[in-house]
Protein backbone atom coordinates (compact mmCIF):
# COMPACT_ATOMS: atom_id res chain seq x y z
CA MET A 1 58.16 120.82 69.79
CA LYS A 2 56.40 123.58 69.04
CA GLU A 3 52.15 123.50 69.28
CA THR A 4 52.00 124.74 65.43
CA ASP A 5 53.45 121.51 64.57
CA PHE A 6 50.57 119.59 65.23
CA SER A 7 47.89 121.53 63.52
CA ILE A 8 44.98 119.74 61.99
CA LYS A 9 42.88 122.52 60.62
CA LYS A 10 42.57 121.39 57.14
CA SER A 11 41.32 118.10 58.87
CA LEU A 12 38.92 119.99 60.80
CA GLU A 13 37.64 122.02 57.78
CA GLU A 14 37.50 119.08 55.73
CA ALA A 15 35.33 117.32 57.98
CA LYS A 16 33.35 120.64 58.65
CA ALA A 17 34.12 119.89 61.96
CA GLU A 18 34.93 122.17 65.03
CA ALA A 19 37.22 119.74 67.34
CA TYR A 20 39.03 116.98 66.93
CA LEU A 21 38.63 114.29 69.78
CA MET A 22 40.42 110.88 70.46
CA THR A 23 40.95 108.67 73.39
CA GLY A 24 43.84 106.40 74.48
CA ASN A 25 46.41 104.79 76.89
CA ILE A 26 49.30 102.96 76.58
CA HIS A 27 48.88 101.33 73.43
CA ASN A 28 47.66 103.85 70.72
CA ALA A 29 50.01 105.62 68.59
CA ASP A 30 48.58 108.65 67.87
CA ILE A 31 48.03 109.92 71.28
CA TYR A 32 51.65 109.57 72.40
CA TYR A 33 52.94 111.04 69.23
CA VAL A 34 50.11 114.03 69.74
CA THR A 35 50.93 114.41 73.24
CA ARG A 36 54.23 112.92 74.65
CA PHE A 37 52.38 111.35 77.31
CA LEU A 38 51.62 107.50 78.22
CA ALA A 39 49.65 106.36 80.74
CA SER A 40 47.88 102.27 81.41
CA ASP A 41 44.47 104.08 81.76
CA ASP A 42 42.84 105.80 79.23
CA PHE A 43 42.72 109.45 78.72
CA THR A 44 41.42 111.78 76.50
CA TYR A 45 42.91 114.72 73.92
CA LEU A 46 41.27 117.39 72.36
CA GLN A 47 41.94 120.10 69.66
CA THR A 48 39.75 122.39 68.61
CA GLY A 49 39.58 124.43 64.96
CA ALA A 50 41.48 127.29 66.42
CA GLY A 51 44.40 124.96 67.45
CA LYS A 52 43.78 124.68 71.53
CA GLU A 53 44.87 121.35 72.61
CA ILE A 54 43.54 120.10 75.59
CA LEU A 55 44.73 116.87 77.74
CA PHE A 56 41.87 115.50 79.88
CA ILE A 57 43.23 113.03 82.45
CA SER A 58 43.06 111.39 86.03
CA GLU A 59 43.52 114.01 88.79
CA MET A 60 46.52 111.18 89.97
CA GLU A 61 48.20 111.79 86.73
CA ARG A 62 48.12 115.57 86.60
CA GLY A 63 51.55 116.29 88.22
CA ARG A 64 53.51 113.44 85.91
CA ALA A 65 51.56 114.88 82.59
CA GLU A 66 52.83 118.85 83.71
CA ILE A 67 56.40 117.63 83.60
CA GLU A 68 55.83 114.89 80.75
CA SER A 69 53.24 115.92 78.38
CA ARG A 70 53.88 118.77 75.47
CA ILE A 71 50.21 120.19 76.04
CA SER A 72 49.92 123.34 78.23
CA THR A 73 46.34 123.04 78.84
CA ILE A 74 45.32 120.19 81.34
CA LYS A 75 42.01 119.23 82.92
CA THR A 76 41.17 116.44 85.28
CA ASN A 77 38.07 114.31 85.19
CA GLN A 78 37.61 115.45 88.69
CA GLU A 79 37.19 118.72 87.58
CA PHE A 80 33.77 117.68 86.42
CA GLY A 81 32.72 115.64 89.28
CA TYR A 82 33.96 112.30 87.89
CA ARG A 83 33.50 110.14 91.15
CA GLU A 84 30.59 111.96 92.45
CA LYS A 85 29.21 110.96 88.70
CA ILE A 86 30.42 107.45 89.75
CA LYS A 87 28.23 106.98 92.40
CA GLU A 88 25.25 108.78 90.84
CA LYS A 89 25.45 106.63 87.41
CA LYS A 90 26.54 103.36 88.67
CA ASP A 91 28.86 103.33 85.77
CA ALA A 92 32.70 104.03 85.30
CA SER A 93 32.24 104.51 81.72
CA ILE A 94 29.06 106.36 81.82
CA ALA A 95 30.59 108.93 84.34
CA TYR A 96 33.53 109.18 82.16
CA ALA A 97 31.70 109.71 78.98
CA ALA A 98 29.60 112.29 80.76
CA CYS A 99 33.04 114.41 81.77
CA ILE A 100 33.88 114.29 78.07
CA SER A 101 30.56 115.51 77.03
CA GLU A 102 30.99 118.52 79.80
CA LEU A 103 34.16 118.88 78.64
CA LEU A 104 33.06 119.77 75.19
CA GLN A 105 30.12 121.78 75.98
CA GLY A 106 32.61 123.85 77.99
CA GLU A 107 34.78 124.21 74.75
CA ASN A 108 31.45 125.27 72.73
CA VAL A 109 31.63 122.80 70.13
CA LYS A 110 28.97 120.52 69.11
CA ARG A 111 30.12 118.96 65.58
CA ILE A 112 33.41 116.44 66.61
CA SER A 113 35.79 114.54 64.04
CA VAL A 114 37.14 111.36 65.91
CA PRO A 115 39.53 108.72 64.23
CA TYR A 116 37.77 105.42 62.83
CA ASP A 117 38.40 103.26 66.37
CA PHE A 118 36.88 106.27 68.82
CA PRO A 119 34.88 104.10 71.15
CA VAL A 120 31.78 103.24 70.11
CA PHE A 121 30.06 103.55 73.65
CA TYR A 122 31.30 106.83 73.48
CA SER A 123 30.51 107.92 70.62
CA ASN A 124 26.96 106.87 71.35
CA TYR A 125 26.93 108.71 74.20
CA LEU A 126 27.54 111.90 72.45
CA THR A 127 25.25 111.32 69.97
CA GLU A 128 22.60 111.34 72.41
CA ALA A 129 23.76 114.26 74.10
CA GLY A 130 23.75 116.21 71.24
CA PHE A 131 26.93 116.18 69.65
CA VAL A 132 27.40 115.41 65.77
CA ILE A 133 30.18 112.86 65.68
CA VAL A 134 32.29 112.67 62.25
CA PRO A 135 34.92 109.38 62.07
CA ILE A 136 37.45 110.67 59.65
CA LYS A 137 41.02 108.93 59.06
CA SER A 138 43.03 109.96 61.45
CA PRO A 139 45.13 113.02 60.64
CA PHE A 140 48.30 112.14 62.56
CA ARG A 141 49.24 109.10 60.85
CA LYS A 142 50.45 111.46 57.69
CA MET A 143 51.82 113.33 59.98
CA ARG A 144 53.73 110.72 61.82
CA SER A 145 55.06 109.62 58.66
CA VAL A 146 57.99 112.29 58.48
CA LYS A 147 59.96 111.67 61.21
CA ARG A 148 61.97 114.71 63.12
CA GLN A 149 65.57 114.57 64.45
CA GLU A 150 64.36 113.13 68.02
CA GLU A 151 62.69 110.20 66.42
CA ILE A 152 65.20 109.24 63.74
CA GLU A 153 67.41 109.05 66.73
CA ALA A 154 65.01 106.85 68.92
CA ILE A 155 64.64 104.52 65.77
CA LYS A 156 68.58 104.22 65.35
CA TYR A 157 68.67 103.20 69.01
CA ALA A 158 65.96 100.56 68.67
CA GLN A 159 67.88 99.29 65.58
CA ASN A 160 71.31 99.13 67.46
CA ALA A 161 69.60 97.27 69.80
CA GLY A 162 68.05 94.87 67.02
CA GLU A 163 71.23 94.52 65.51
CA LYS A 164 73.08 93.47 68.54
CA ALA A 165 70.21 90.89 69.06
CA MET A 166 70.95 89.68 65.78
CA GLU A 167 74.97 89.19 66.27
CA ALA A 168 73.93 87.30 69.31
CA ALA A 169 71.79 85.26 67.48
CA ILE A 170 73.70 84.37 64.54
CA ALA A 171 76.52 84.04 67.24
CA LEU A 172 74.78 81.05 68.53
CA ILE A 173 73.85 79.51 65.33
CA THR A 174 77.80 79.86 64.13
CA GLY A 175 78.98 77.89 67.25
CA ALA A 176 76.47 74.98 66.74
CA GLU A 177 77.50 71.50 65.60
CA GLU A 178 75.61 69.44 63.79
CA LYS A 179 74.28 65.71 64.30
CA GLU A 180 72.34 63.36 62.11
CA GLY A 181 70.84 66.70 60.31
CA MET A 182 70.17 68.53 63.83
CA LEU A 183 71.96 71.66 65.37
CA TYR A 184 73.46 71.25 68.69
CA PHE A 185 74.61 73.90 70.82
CA GLU A 186 76.95 72.58 73.92
CA GLY A 187 75.67 69.45 73.72
CA LYS A 188 72.15 70.34 73.45
CA VAL A 189 69.47 70.41 70.73
CA LEU A 190 69.24 74.14 69.49
CA THR A 191 65.90 75.36 69.15
CA GLY A 192 63.91 77.99 67.56
CA SER A 193 62.98 78.92 71.50
CA LYS A 194 66.56 79.06 72.49
CA VAL A 195 67.54 81.53 70.05
CA HIS A 196 64.24 82.98 70.73
CA SER A 197 65.29 83.56 74.21
CA VAL A 198 68.91 85.23 73.46
CA ILE A 199 67.32 87.62 71.26
CA ASP A 200 64.83 88.66 73.83
CA HIS A 201 67.71 88.83 76.67
CA THR A 202 69.65 90.79 74.79
CA LEU A 203 67.08 93.44 73.51
CA LEU A 204 66.45 93.86 77.33
CA ASP A 205 70.17 94.80 78.14
CA PHE A 206 69.37 97.55 75.81
CA GLY A 207 66.15 98.36 77.13
CA CYS A 208 64.02 97.43 74.35
CA GLU A 209 61.55 94.42 73.88
CA ALA A 210 60.06 92.59 70.95
CA GLU A 211 56.91 90.57 70.93
CA GLU A 212 56.64 88.70 67.76
CA THR A 213 60.00 88.20 67.01
CA ILE A 214 60.17 85.49 64.06
CA VAL A 215 62.71 82.52 64.30
CA SER A 216 62.11 79.80 61.55
CA CYS A 217 63.93 77.51 59.84
CA GLY A 218 63.25 74.75 56.92
CA ASP A 219 59.67 74.31 55.53
CA ASP A 220 58.45 76.82 58.33
CA THR A 221 60.32 79.46 56.23
CA ALA A 222 58.29 78.91 53.44
CA ASN A 223 55.76 80.67 55.59
CA PRO A 224 56.50 84.28 55.76
CA HIS A 225 55.56 84.93 58.81
CA GLY A 226 56.16 81.06 59.97
CA THR A 227 57.52 80.25 63.32
CA THR A 228 59.63 77.24 64.71
CA ASP A 229 60.10 76.81 68.31
CA GLY A 230 61.85 73.13 68.14
CA PRO A 231 64.77 71.97 66.93
CA LEU A 232 66.94 73.70 64.45
CA ARG A 233 68.11 71.75 61.18
CA ALA A 234 71.44 71.81 59.32
CA ASN A 235 71.24 72.73 55.70
CA ALA A 236 68.58 74.76 55.85
CA PRO A 237 67.18 78.27 55.87
CA ILE A 238 66.91 80.27 59.01
CA ILE A 239 65.07 83.66 59.00
CA LEU A 240 65.74 85.52 61.67
CA ASP A 241 62.94 88.69 61.69
CA ILE A 242 63.57 91.36 64.71
CA PHE A 243 61.41 94.33 65.26
CA PRO A 244 62.19 96.08 68.50
CA ARG A 245 60.77 98.32 70.31
CA SER A 246 62.51 101.16 73.08
CA LYS A 247 60.64 100.70 76.15
CA LYS A 248 61.33 104.06 77.17
CA ARG A 249 61.60 105.91 74.15
CA ARG A 250 58.37 103.97 72.48
CA TYR A 251 60.05 103.63 68.77
CA PHE A 252 60.63 100.48 66.60
CA ALA A 253 62.81 99.39 64.26
CA ASP A 254 62.64 96.14 62.06
CA MET A 255 65.57 94.21 60.47
CA THR A 256 65.52 90.62 58.98
CA ARG A 257 68.79 88.07 57.72
CA THR A 258 68.53 84.37 56.47
CA VAL A 259 71.20 82.48 57.41
CA LEU A 260 72.12 78.56 56.64
CA TRP A 261 74.32 76.38 59.07
CA GLY A 262 75.74 73.52 56.58
CA LYS A 263 75.27 73.29 52.74
CA ALA A 264 72.77 74.89 50.73
CA SER A 265 71.04 73.38 47.56
CA GLU A 266 71.65 75.52 44.38
CA GLU A 267 67.90 76.59 44.55
CA LEU A 268 68.39 78.21 47.59
CA LYS A 269 71.47 79.95 46.77
CA ALA A 270 69.77 81.14 43.78
CA MET A 271 67.11 82.06 45.70
CA TYR A 272 69.38 84.08 48.35
CA GLU A 273 71.19 85.89 45.55
CA THR A 274 67.94 87.17 43.72
CA VAL A 275 66.54 88.61 46.89
CA PHE A 276 69.99 90.21 47.35
CA GLU A 277 69.54 91.79 44.08
CA ALA A 278 65.94 92.70 44.26
CA GLN A 279 66.55 94.51 47.68
CA LYS A 280 69.36 96.57 45.77
CA LYS A 281 67.18 97.09 42.90
CA ALA A 282 64.48 98.90 45.39
CA LEU A 283 67.33 100.45 47.77
CA SER A 284 68.71 102.06 44.42
CA MET A 285 64.98 103.49 43.48
CA VAL A 286 64.52 105.01 47.07
CA LYS A 287 64.80 108.76 47.29
CA PRO A 288 62.01 111.71 47.46
CA GLY A 289 59.48 111.87 44.69
CA ALA A 290 59.73 108.08 44.41
CA GLN A 291 56.18 106.73 44.22
CA ALA A 292 56.32 103.03 46.48
CA ALA A 293 54.20 101.56 44.13
CA GLU A 294 57.24 101.75 41.35
CA ILE A 295 59.58 100.72 43.50
CA HIS A 296 57.13 97.62 44.77
CA THR A 297 56.56 96.96 40.48
CA ALA A 298 59.95 96.93 40.04
CA VAL A 299 60.78 93.80 42.56
CA CYS A 300 57.64 91.83 41.28
CA GLU A 301 59.64 92.42 37.71
CA PHE A 302 62.41 91.94 38.61
CA PHE A 303 61.48 88.29 40.28
CA GLU A 304 59.72 87.83 37.44
CA ALA A 305 62.45 88.27 35.12
CA LYS A 306 64.42 85.72 36.94
CA GLY A 307 61.87 83.13 36.73
CA TYR A 308 60.01 83.38 40.16
CA HIS A 309 56.38 83.93 40.93
CA THR A 310 54.79 86.68 42.91
CA TYR A 311 50.96 87.36 44.03
CA ARG A 312 50.38 89.13 41.02
CA SER A 313 49.47 85.98 38.96
CA GLY A 314 47.81 84.98 41.43
CA SER A 315 50.54 82.71 42.98
CA LYS A 316 50.33 81.96 46.51
CA ALA A 317 53.87 80.78 46.29
CA GLY A 318 57.24 83.11 45.37
CA PHE A 319 56.75 86.82 46.19
CA THR A 320 53.69 87.38 48.30
CA HIS A 321 53.79 90.29 50.06
CA SER A 322 54.65 93.96 49.73
CA THR A 323 58.23 95.43 49.34
CA GLY A 324 57.80 97.21 52.89
CA HIS A 325 56.67 99.58 54.97
CA GLY A 326 57.26 102.41 57.17
CA VAL A 327 58.31 102.52 60.61
CA GLY A 328 57.48 104.42 64.00
CA LEU A 329 55.81 104.49 66.88
CA ASP A 330 53.71 101.46 65.21
CA ILE A 331 55.89 98.88 63.90
CA HIS A 332 53.66 99.07 60.42
CA GLU A 333 52.67 102.71 59.54
CA LEU A 334 52.82 104.94 57.03
CA PRO A 335 54.11 104.78 53.88
CA GLY A 336 53.48 101.63 52.85
CA VAL A 337 55.76 100.49 49.84
CA GLY A 338 53.58 98.34 48.13
CA GLU A 339 50.55 99.25 45.85
CA SER A 340 50.51 102.59 46.82
CA SER A 341 50.14 105.91 45.24
CA PHE A 342 52.54 107.25 48.26
CA LEU A 343 54.89 109.13 47.37
CA LEU A 344 58.51 109.36 49.52
CA GLU A 345 59.12 112.33 51.47
CA THR A 346 62.36 113.20 53.40
CA GLY A 347 62.21 111.89 56.83
CA ASN A 348 60.17 108.82 55.76
CA VAL A 349 61.54 105.83 57.54
CA ILE A 350 60.79 102.28 55.63
CA THR A 351 61.93 98.95 55.30
CA ILE A 352 62.78 97.39 51.83
CA GLU A 353 62.05 93.29 52.51
CA PRO A 354 61.43 91.27 49.42
CA GLY A 355 61.55 87.55 49.88
CA LEU A 356 60.75 84.31 48.24
CA TYR A 357 58.69 81.12 49.58
CA TYR A 358 57.98 77.98 48.06
CA PRO A 359 56.80 75.13 49.94
CA GLY A 360 59.30 71.93 50.31
CA ILE A 361 62.20 74.51 49.41
CA GLY A 362 62.09 77.08 52.08
CA GLY A 363 62.12 80.88 52.13
CA ILE A 364 64.70 83.77 51.88
CA ARG A 365 64.23 87.10 53.22
CA LEU A 366 66.40 90.23 53.43
CA GLU A 367 65.40 93.47 55.39
CA ASP A 368 66.75 96.53 55.82
CA MET A 369 65.34 100.59 57.26
CA VAL A 370 66.47 103.12 55.59
CA LEU A 371 66.02 106.86 56.57
CA VAL A 372 64.88 108.96 53.35
CA THR A 373 66.96 111.63 52.95
CA GLU A 374 67.30 114.64 50.71
CA ASN A 375 69.43 113.08 48.02
CA GLY A 376 68.14 109.43 48.48
CA TYR A 377 68.33 107.34 51.64
CA GLU A 378 70.61 106.59 54.56
CA ASN A 379 70.74 102.82 55.47
CA LEU A 380 70.00 102.43 58.99
CA THR A 381 70.85 99.03 58.94
CA LYS A 382 74.55 98.33 59.34
CA LEU A 383 74.77 94.57 59.93
CA GLU A 384 76.23 92.61 57.09
CA LYS A 385 74.46 89.98 54.94
CA LYS A 386 75.78 86.63 55.07
CA PHE A 387 74.11 83.30 53.82
CA VAL A 388 75.86 80.51 54.78
CA LEU A 389 77.44 80.57 58.04
CA LYS A 390 79.36 77.44 58.84
CA SER A 391 80.03 74.62 56.31
CA TYR A 392 81.24 71.14 56.88
CA LEU A 393 85.17 70.83 56.97
């Protein structure tokens, strides 16, 4: 990666700031994106108006940072007497803030822009030390929305793992048998927890993890984020929503399938077909320059024309969420495919996930993840869509 790829000069000029400062750790996508460095404890990134970048870390992380990080200028807290400051101030957080203050003084910057989630403690300390702190929207969020080739490959890796996990989950459900309305596998009641466990184990085999996988059945599917830990039912929709992240590469993927073992009601069949067609409609509109809001509006209008409700009329049932979202270092990032003026660009990775949800009937959601290309899109989700897995003989 070139150093100039991460220049935020324009954002600094708009904020009339001399530098941008952020702190974070392994959970902060922005700081990993710009430094390509991970650490469990907080560390700091600084970019000046002249484009100079500094990675400020603990002394024990220097060797690893010199190998892994893309930042060439590395400073450690011990260069600023961190341990001595802890003894003096009797507080590690105050000592760290004092080190940041000296770092900024050394770069001769006084007006500092920070992200909205910058720790208020550090902000207060630096303000008292004479710096002007200007919170701004992260300049890296928009930058992150256009994926480089290595990022696309990392997303594809996670997606492949997700599809293997989805295949394992669907195979488990397909192999079940029905008894008194419940699904059984190898003589035991098949539960949502069991399916969830199979998904987790498959992802681990590929070096991936997923913290909030959705396995829901029957009435629970009427809630878009509903979950079912207990028994899975025959003749009822089962929503499987997997959004794995590569533990090493850090990028997410996302996909959803809705399946059913047994006999689907006419209402559910109609809902599934409508969601399937709504997704096709949305996908046909994906291309560079397309406005995200227009895609979302087209999905809403399609559902309404078919007689289904959307949230636009105030309904709490039917289509109640956005059509999709960006995927990358965060599972939800730019661009959102909803009521947004965002224009799609080549390199965006987004989901298209229309759904219908009705209490007493159930829910249907289908989600594919696509890459916006120069001529349209590439669907990164290869797994087929099949609603009824197994019917009664």
